[in-house]
């Protein structure tokens, strides 16, 4: 299965979950041990990007909620929970192993919200070279530059 699908002139990789009804959608689970988010460096002299690797505390693996359309799938996103907010405004819809099965079985599922405080761990690497494509409207990268300089990554 391919990541994303074409809709008009763009490819849909991530899809906002708020206000949407997925009862009739082809719901899928993407099994993961963690996922990455890339942000601009906090220090202007640092080359590359900051790479944040998020894992679920107390779990060896978890699921990411998604939907399939045609031969592709899209990851669902929601507003960032307390653990993710210092790095990004939005996060992937993260489900524990048991909640993942509920996502597949129940037509109306309410666990697509932000992860609870203390649910996620983060490990940050600095100066990572990426192949990110700049956002053409702003001239920069499409990441949130307003996050705090201190946060869970600074404490680890």
C-alpha atoms as a PDB file:
ATOM      1  CA  UNK A   1       0.000   0.000   0.000  1.00  0.00           C
ATOM      2  CA  UNK A   2       1.339   3.441  -0.892  1.00  0.00           C
ATOM      3  CA  UNK A   3       1.627   6.305   1.574  1.00  0.00           C
ATOM      4  CA  UNK A   4      -0.964   8.950   0.710  1.00  0.00           C
ATOM      5  CA  UNK A   5      -3.272   9.452  -2.237  1.00  0.00           C
ATOM      6  CA  UNK A   6      -3.711  12.129  -4.832  1.00  0.00           C
ATOM      7  CA  UNK A   7      -6.471  14.661  -4.332  1.00  0.00           C
ATOM      8  CA  UNK A   8      -6.461  17.327  -6.991  1.00  0.00           C
ATOM      9  CA  UNK A   9      -2.898  18.628  -7.328  1.00  0.00           C
ATOM     10  CA  UNK A  10      -1.670  17.470  -3.922  1.00  0.00           C
ATOM     11  CA  UNK A  11      -0.901  14.206  -2.159  1.00  0.00           C
ATOM     12  CA  UNK A  12      -2.652  13.595   1.164  1.00  0.00           C
ATOM     13  CA  UNK A  13      -0.187  12.056   3.650  1.00  0.00           C
ATOM     14  CA  UNK A  14      -1.736  13.332   6.891  1.00  0.00           C
ATOM     15  CA  UNK A  15      -5.395  14.088   7.511  1.00  0.00           C
ATOM     16  CA  UNK A  16      -6.936  16.098  10.373  1.00  0.00           C
ATOM     17  CA  UNK A  17      -9.240  13.903  12.436  1.00  0.00           C
ATOM     18  CA  UNK A  18     -11.238  16.629  14.196  1.00  0.00           C
ATOM     19  CA  UNK A  19     -14.826  17.001  13.022  1.00  0.00           C
ATOM     20  CA  UNK A  20     -14.666  14.015  10.664  1.00  0.00           C
ATOM     21  CA  UNK A  21     -16.783  10.871  10.698  1.00  0.00           C
ATOM     22  CA  UNK A  22     -14.772   7.745   9.896  1.00  0.00           C
ATOM     23  CA  UNK A  23     -17.637   5.259  10.396  1.00  0.00           C
ATOM     24  CA  UNK A  24     -17.742   4.390   6.676  1.00  0.00           C
ATOM     25  CA  UNK A  25     -13.982   4.769   6.070  1.00  0.00           C
ATOM     26  CA  UNK A  26     -11.572   1.903   5.531  1.00  0.00           C
ATOM     27  CA  UNK A  27      -9.775   2.222   8.863  1.00  0.00           C
ATOM     28  CA  UNK A  28      -6.220   0.908   9.164  1.00  0.00           C
ATOM     29  CA  UNK A  29      -3.567   0.602  11.867  1.00  0.00           C
ATOM     30  CA  UNK A  30       0.068   1.364  11.263  1.00  0.00           C
ATOM     31  CA  UNK A  31       2.162  -0.542  13.799  1.00  0.00           C
ATOM     32  CA  UNK A  32       5.093   1.464  15.144  1.00  0.00           C
ATOM     33  CA  UNK A  33       7.749   1.454  17.825  1.00  0.00           C
ATOM     34  CA  UNK A  34       8.039   5.245  17.446  1.00  0.00           C
ATOM     35  CA  UNK A  35       7.778   8.107  14.995  1.00  0.00           C
ATOM     36  CA  UNK A  36       9.875  11.138  14.028  1.00  0.00           C
ATOM     37  CA  UNK A  37       9.123  14.848  13.849  1.00  0.00           C
ATOM     38  CA  UNK A  38      11.651  17.345  12.457  1.00  0.00           C
ATOM     39  CA  UNK A  39      11.858  20.989  13.533  1.00  0.00           C
ATOM     40  CA  UNK A  40      14.027  23.995  12.853  1.00  0.00           C
ATOM     41  CA  UNK A  41      16.974  24.264  15.276  1.00  0.00           C
ATOM     42  CA  UNK A  42      16.485  26.518  18.303  1.00  0.00           C
ATOM     43  CA  UNK A  43      20.038  27.856  18.054  1.00  0.00           C
ATOM     44  CA  UNK A  44      20.666  29.837  14.837  1.00  0.00           C
ATOM     45  CA  UNK A  45      24.270  28.550  14.528  1.00  0.00           C
ATOM     46  CA  UNK A  46      23.194  24.890  14.460  1.00  0.00           C
ATOM     47  CA  UNK A  47      23.117  23.410  10.963  1.00  0.00           C
ATOM     48  CA  UNK A  48      20.480  20.871  10.051  1.00  0.00           C
ATOM     49  CA  UNK A  49      17.298  20.167  11.955  1.00  0.00           C
ATOM     50  CA  UNK A  50      16.290  18.819  15.320  1.00  0.00           C
ATOM     51  CA  UNK A  51      15.009  15.243  15.049  1.00  0.00           C
ATOM     52  CA  UNK A  52      12.538  14.195  17.746  1.00  0.00           C
ATOM     53  CA  UNK A  53      11.778  10.481  18.154  1.00  0.00           C
ATOM     54  CA  UNK A  54       8.537   9.813  20.058  1.00  0.00           C
ATOM     55  CA  UNK A  55       7.767   6.486  21.731  1.00  0.00           C
ATOM     56  CA  UNK A  56       4.934   5.372  24.003  1.00  0.00           C
ATOM     57  CA  UNK A  57       5.958   4.930  27.636  1.00  0.00           C
ATOM     58  CA  UNK A  58       5.520   1.397  28.949  1.00  0.00           C
ATOM     59  CA  UNK A  59       4.828  -0.100  25.503  1.00  0.00           C
ATOM     60  CA  UNK A  60       7.213  -1.809  23.073  1.00  0.00           C
ATOM     61  CA  UNK A  61       4.930  -0.834  20.193  1.00  0.00           C
ATOM     62  CA  UNK A  62       1.759   1.106  19.516  1.00  0.00           C
ATOM     63  CA  UNK A  63      -0.492   1.939  16.601  1.00  0.00           C
ATOM     64  CA  UNK A  64      -1.056   5.014  14.484  1.00  0.00           C
ATOM     65  CA  UNK A  65      -4.630   5.498  13.282  1.00  0.00           C
ATOM     66  CA  UNK A  66      -5.105   5.821   9.553  1.00  0.00           C
ATOM     67  CA  UNK A  67      -7.607   5.495   6.754  1.00  0.00           C
ATOM     68  CA  UNK A  68      -7.189   3.884   3.356  1.00  0.00           C
ATOM     69  CA  UNK A  69      -8.439   5.177   0.041  1.00  0.00           C
ATOM     70  CA  UNK A  70      -7.743   3.468  -3.243  1.00  0.00           C
ATOM     71  CA  UNK A  71      -4.284   1.907  -3.007  1.00  0.00           C
ATOM     72  CA  UNK A  72      -2.984   4.389  -0.421  1.00  0.00           C
ATOM     73  CA  UNK A  73      -3.369   5.292   3.214  1.00  0.00           C
ATOM     74  CA  UNK A  74      -3.180   8.499   5.224  1.00  0.00           C
ATOM     75  CA  UNK A  75      -2.190   8.994   8.862  1.00  0.00           C
ATOM     76  CA  UNK A  76      -4.699  10.816  11.059  1.00  0.00           C
ATOM     77  CA  UNK A  77      -3.591  13.812  13.130  1.00  0.00           C
ATOM     78  CA  UNK A  78      -4.994  15.736  16.079  1.00  0.00           C
ATOM     79  CA  UNK A  79      -4.007  18.680  18.272  1.00  0.00           C
ATOM     80  CA  UNK A  80      -0.781  17.989  20.139  1.00  0.00           C
ATOM     81  CA  UNK A  81      -0.979  16.553  23.645  1.00  0.00           C
ATOM     82  CA  UNK A  82       1.074  17.934  26.530  1.00  0.00           C
ATOM     83  CA  UNK A  83       4.097  15.716  25.768  1.00  0.00           C
ATOM     84  CA  UNK A  84       4.204  16.732  22.093  1.00  0.00           C
ATOM     85  CA  UNK A  85       3.187  20.405  22.340  1.00  0.00           C
ATOM     86  CA  UNK A  86       6.714  21.715  23.121  1.00  0.00           C
ATOM     87  CA  UNK A  87       7.772  20.445  19.667  1.00  0.00           C
ATOM     88  CA  UNK A  88       4.743  20.595  17.349  1.00  0.00           C
ATOM     89  CA  UNK A  89       1.214  21.993  17.172  1.00  0.00           C
ATOM     90  CA  UNK A  90      -0.219  18.692  15.933  1.00  0.00           C
ATOM     91  CA  UNK A  91       0.534  15.040  16.490  1.00  0.00           C
ATOM     92  CA  UNK A  92      -0.308  11.718  14.924  1.00  0.00           C
ATOM     93  CA  UNK A  93      -3.277   9.869  16.441  1.00  0.00           C
ATOM     94  CA  UNK A  94      -1.423   7.434  18.689  1.00  0.00           C
ATOM     95  CA  UNK A  95      -3.277   4.369  20.006  1.00  0.00           C
ATOM     96  CA  UNK A  96      -2.171   1.835  22.621  1.00  0.00           C
ATOM     97  CA  UNK A  97      -2.204  -1.800  21.425  1.00  0.00           C
ATOM     98  CA  UNK A  98      -5.679  -2.417  22.915  1.00  0.00           C
ATOM     99  CA  UNK A  99      -7.128   0.897  21.672  1.00  0.00           C
ATOM    100  CA  UNK A 100      -5.917   0.073  18.165  1.00  0.00           C
ATOM    101  CA  UNK A 101      -8.212  -2.939  17.954  1.00  0.00           C
ATOM    102  CA  UNK A 102     -11.114  -0.775  19.125  1.00  0.00           C
ATOM    103  CA  UNK A 103     -10.373   1.686  16.293  1.00  0.00           C
ATOM    104  CA  UNK A 104     -10.816  -1.129  13.766  1.00  0.00           C
ATOM    105  CA  UNK A 105     -13.994  -2.575  15.333  1.00  0.00           C
ATOM    106  CA  UNK A 106     -16.084   0.409  16.468  1.00  0.00           C
ATOM    107  CA  UNK A 107     -17.785   2.653  13.902  1.00  0.00           C
ATOM    108  CA  UNK A 108     -17.521   5.729  16.158  1.00  0.00           C
ATOM    109  CA  UNK A 109     -14.265   5.946  18.048  1.00  0.00           C
ATOM    110  CA  UNK A 110     -13.372   8.709  20.491  1.00  0.00           C
ATOM    111  CA  UNK A 111      -9.701   7.854  21.146  1.00  0.00           C
ATOM    112  CA  UNK A 112      -8.427   9.957  18.243  1.00  0.00           C
ATOM    113  CA  UNK A 113      -7.669  12.926  20.488  1.00  0.00           C
ATOM    114  CA  UNK A 114      -4.314  14.103  21.821  1.00  0.00           C
ATOM    115  CA  UNK A 115      -2.264  11.657  23.862  1.00  0.00           C
ATOM    116  CA  UNK A 116      -2.524  12.140  27.610  1.00  0.00           C
ATOM    117  CA  UNK A 117       0.180  13.816  29.697  1.00  0.00           C
ATOM    118  CA  UNK A 118       3.022  11.405  30.470  1.00  0.00           C
ATOM    119  CA  UNK A 119       2.070   9.004  27.665  1.00  0.00           C
ATOM    120  CA  UNK A 120       4.929   9.744  25.267  1.00  0.00           C
ATOM    121  CA  UNK A 121       8.734   9.865  25.630  1.00  0.00           C
ATOM    122  CA  UNK A 122      10.985  11.860  23.341  1.00  0.00           C
ATOM    123  CA  UNK A 123      14.643  11.604  22.333  1.00  0.00           C
ATOM    124  CA  UNK A 124      16.111  14.543  20.412  1.00  0.00           C
ATOM    125  CA  UNK A 125      19.099  14.640  18.043  1.00  0.00           C
ATOM    126  CA  UNK A 126      20.525  17.957  16.857  1.00  0.00           C
ATOM    127  CA  UNK A 127      21.998  18.961  13.500  1.00  0.00           C
ATOM    128  CA  UNK A 128      20.250  16.221  11.507  1.00  0.00           C
ATOM    129  CA  UNK A 129      20.342  16.656   7.734  1.00  0.00           C
ATOM    130  CA  UNK A 130      16.911  16.125   6.164  1.00  0.00           C
ATOM    131  CA  UNK A 131      15.390  16.098   2.748  1.00  0.00           C
ATOM    132  CA  UNK A 132      12.447  18.287   3.797  1.00  0.00           C
ATOM    133  CA  UNK A 133      10.900  20.461   1.115  1.00  0.00           C
ATOM    134  CA  UNK A 134      10.600  24.149   2.078  1.00  0.00           C
ATOM    135  CA  UNK A 135       7.121  25.619   2.402  1.00  0.00           C
ATOM    136  CA  UNK A 136       6.850  27.814  -0.698  1.00  0.00           C
ATOM    137  CA  UNK A 137       4.477  30.353   0.904  1.00  0.00           C
ATOM    138  CA  UNK A 138       6.654  31.219   3.894  1.00  0.00           C
ATOM    139  CA  UNK A 139      10.026  30.457   2.352  1.00  0.00           C
ATOM    140  CA  UNK A 140      10.841  28.268   5.360  1.00  0.00           C
ATOM    141  CA  UNK A 141      10.058  24.813   6.598  1.00  0.00           C
ATOM    142  CA  UNK A 142       6.476  24.004   7.639  1.00  0.00           C
ATOM    143  CA  UNK A 143       7.330  23.376  11.295  1.00  0.00           C
ATOM    144  CA  UNK A 144       6.305  25.263  14.410  1.00  0.00           C
ATOM    145  CA  UNK A 145       9.187  27.566  15.391  1.00  0.00           C
ATOM    146  CA  UNK A 146       7.398  28.922  18.452  1.00  0.00           C
ATOM    147  CA  UNK A 147       8.003  25.953  20.745  1.00  0.00           C
ATOM    148  CA  UNK A 148       9.771  26.304  24.070  1.00  0.00           C
ATOM    149  CA  UNK A 149      13.546  26.119  24.368  1.00  0.00           C
ATOM    150  CA  UNK A 150      13.163  23.847  27.357  1.00  0.00           C
ATOM    151  CA  UNK A 151      10.953  20.832  27.432  1.00  0.00           C
ATOM    152  CA  UNK A 152      10.982  17.087  27.876  1.00  0.00           C
ATOM    153  CA  UNK A 153      13.935  16.706  25.492  1.00  0.00           C
ATOM    154  CA  UNK A 154      16.056  19.166  27.462  1.00  0.00           C
ATOM    155  CA  UNK A 155      15.362  17.285  30.698  1.00  0.00           C
ATOM    156  CA  UNK A 156      16.433  13.855  29.369  1.00  0.00           C
END
